[in-house]
Amino acid sequence: MDITGTFYFDPSDKIYHDHFPGCPVVPGSLIISAFMEAIRQEEINGSFLSVEDFRFKEFIQPGEYGFRVKDKNGKLICGLYLLKGEKKKALVTGIIASQMNESKF
């Protein structure tokens, strides 16, 4: 599985009035949530997703960013990039684990 696309963090969203006034920054939890939603839209029903590791290399201001999710043996490698410029610079990287639900009942 290889998922690519864009995320848009709307600058007019009220969350940025508090996070942070005068210098809006997208909360890390919102970025991770966007990746989880993108994966869920492509994922097989019944799968379980868990966040293993995310690194935020820069503060992310509201706006549009490119993203990519690549599957490596059940580890979903995530990257968030600037859309401008020739070289893709990873602003956020992370790993989300994907496992099939195994009921204990």
Protein backbone atom coordinates (compact mmCIF):
# COMPACT_ATOMS: atom_id res chain seq x y z
CA MET A 1 0.00 0.00 0.00
CA ASP A 2 1.22 3.45 -0.88
CA ILE A 3 -1.03 6.42 -0.10
CA THR A 4 -0.25 9.96 -1.24
CA GLY A 5 -2.28 13.13 -1.11
CA THR A 6 -2.64 16.45 0.64
CA PHE A 7 -3.79 17.54 4.05
CA TYR A 8 -5.33 20.98 4.49
CA PHE A 9 -5.28 22.51 7.95
CA ASP A 10 -7.72 25.42 7.61
CA PRO A 11 -6.20 28.65 8.98
CA SER A 12 -9.71 29.93 9.83
CA ASP A 13 -10.32 27.03 12.24
CA LYS A 14 -10.90 28.36 15.76
CA ILE A 15 -8.32 25.99 17.24
CA TYR A 16 -5.56 28.29 15.97
CA HIS A 17 -6.85 31.20 18.04
CA ASP A 18 -5.61 29.31 21.10
CA HIS A 19 -2.75 27.29 19.58
CA PHE A 20 -0.98 29.78 19.56
CA PRO A 21 -2.32 33.37 19.44
CA GLY A 22 -0.41 35.42 16.89
CA CYS A 23 1.63 32.41 15.74
CA PRO A 24 -0.73 29.56 14.83
CA VAL A 25 0.68 26.02 14.94
CA VAL A 26 -1.08 22.80 13.97
CA PRO A 27 -1.24 20.53 17.05
CA GLY A 28 0.68 17.28 16.66
CA SER A 29 -2.42 15.30 17.62
CA LEU A 30 -4.29 16.86 14.68
CA ILE A 31 -1.50 15.85 12.27
CA ILE A 32 -1.47 12.27 13.57
CA SER A 33 -5.26 12.17 13.38
CA ALA A 34 -5.10 13.22 9.70
CA PHE A 35 -2.73 10.32 8.98
CA MET A 36 -4.96 7.88 10.87
CA GLU A 37 -8.00 9.01 8.88
CA ALA A 38 -6.16 8.71 5.54
CA ILE A 39 -5.07 5.18 6.47
CA ARG A 40 -8.54 4.17 7.65
CA GLN A 41 -9.99 5.25 4.32
CA GLU A 42 -7.66 2.81 2.52
CA GLU A 43 -7.30 0.08 5.14
CA ILE A 44 -8.98 -3.32 5.19
CA ASN A 45 -11.91 -3.52 7.59
CA GLY A 46 -11.05 -5.05 10.94
CA SER A 47 -7.54 -3.66 11.19
CA PHE A 48 -6.14 -2.10 14.34
CA LEU A 49 -3.94 0.98 14.14
CA SER A 50 -1.54 2.17 16.83
CA VAL A 51 0.86 5.11 16.85
CA GLU A 52 4.43 4.01 17.51
CA ASP A 53 6.64 7.00 16.84
CA PHE A 54 6.24 10.50 15.43
CA ARG A 55 8.88 13.21 15.07
CA PHE A 56 8.06 16.83 14.42
CA LYS A 57 11.06 18.47 12.76
CA GLU A 58 9.42 21.90 12.51
CA PHE A 59 6.34 23.71 13.76
CA ILE A 60 3.61 23.29 11.18
CA GLN A 61 1.58 26.37 10.35
CA PRO A 62 -1.99 25.94 9.05
CA GLY A 63 -2.15 25.41 5.31
CA GLU A 64 -1.76 22.67 2.71
CA TYR A 65 0.88 19.93 2.87
CA GLY A 66 1.67 16.82 0.91
CA PHE A 67 1.71 13.46 2.65
CA ARG A 68 2.77 9.91 1.95
CA VAL A 69 2.13 6.64 3.76
CA LYS A 70 4.13 3.59 2.71
CA ASP A 71 3.62 0.06 4.04
CA LYS A 72 6.71 -1.81 5.22
CA ASN A 73 5.66 -5.17 6.69
CA GLY A 74 2.70 -3.81 8.65
CA LYS A 75 4.54 -0.64 9.68
CA LEU A 76 3.00 2.36 7.98
CA ILE A 77 5.75 4.91 7.40
CA CYS A 78 4.26 8.43 7.35
CA GLY A 79 5.71 11.66 6.02
CA LEU A 80 4.38 15.23 5.81
CA TYR A 81 6.02 17.53 3.24
CA LEU A 82 5.92 21.06 1.88
CA LEU A 83 4.22 21.16 -1.50
CA LYS A 84 6.49 23.87 -2.88
CA GLY A 85 10.02 23.34 -4.16
CA GLU A 86 11.72 20.54 -6.02
CA LYS A 87 13.10 18.70 -3.00
CA LYS A 88 10.64 17.11 -0.60
CA LYS A 89 11.67 18.05 2.89
CA ALA A 90 10.04 15.88 5.57
CA LEU A 91 8.52 18.14 8.24
CA VAL A 92 6.93 15.29 10.16
CA THR A 93 7.79 11.59 10.09
CA GLY A 94 6.17 8.75 11.94
CA ILE A 95 5.20 5.12 12.19
CA ILE A 96 1.74 3.70 12.62
CA ALA A 97 1.47 -0.05 13.20
CA SER A 98 -1.29 -1.96 11.45
CA GLN A 99 -2.47 -5.29 12.79
CA MET A 100 -5.55 -7.40 12.22
CA ASN A 101 -7.93 -7.47 15.18
CA GLU A 102 -7.62 -10.76 16.99
CA SER A 103 -10.51 -11.21 19.36
CA LYS A 104 -9.65 -12.83 22.70
CA PHE A 105 -13.27 -13.84 23.22
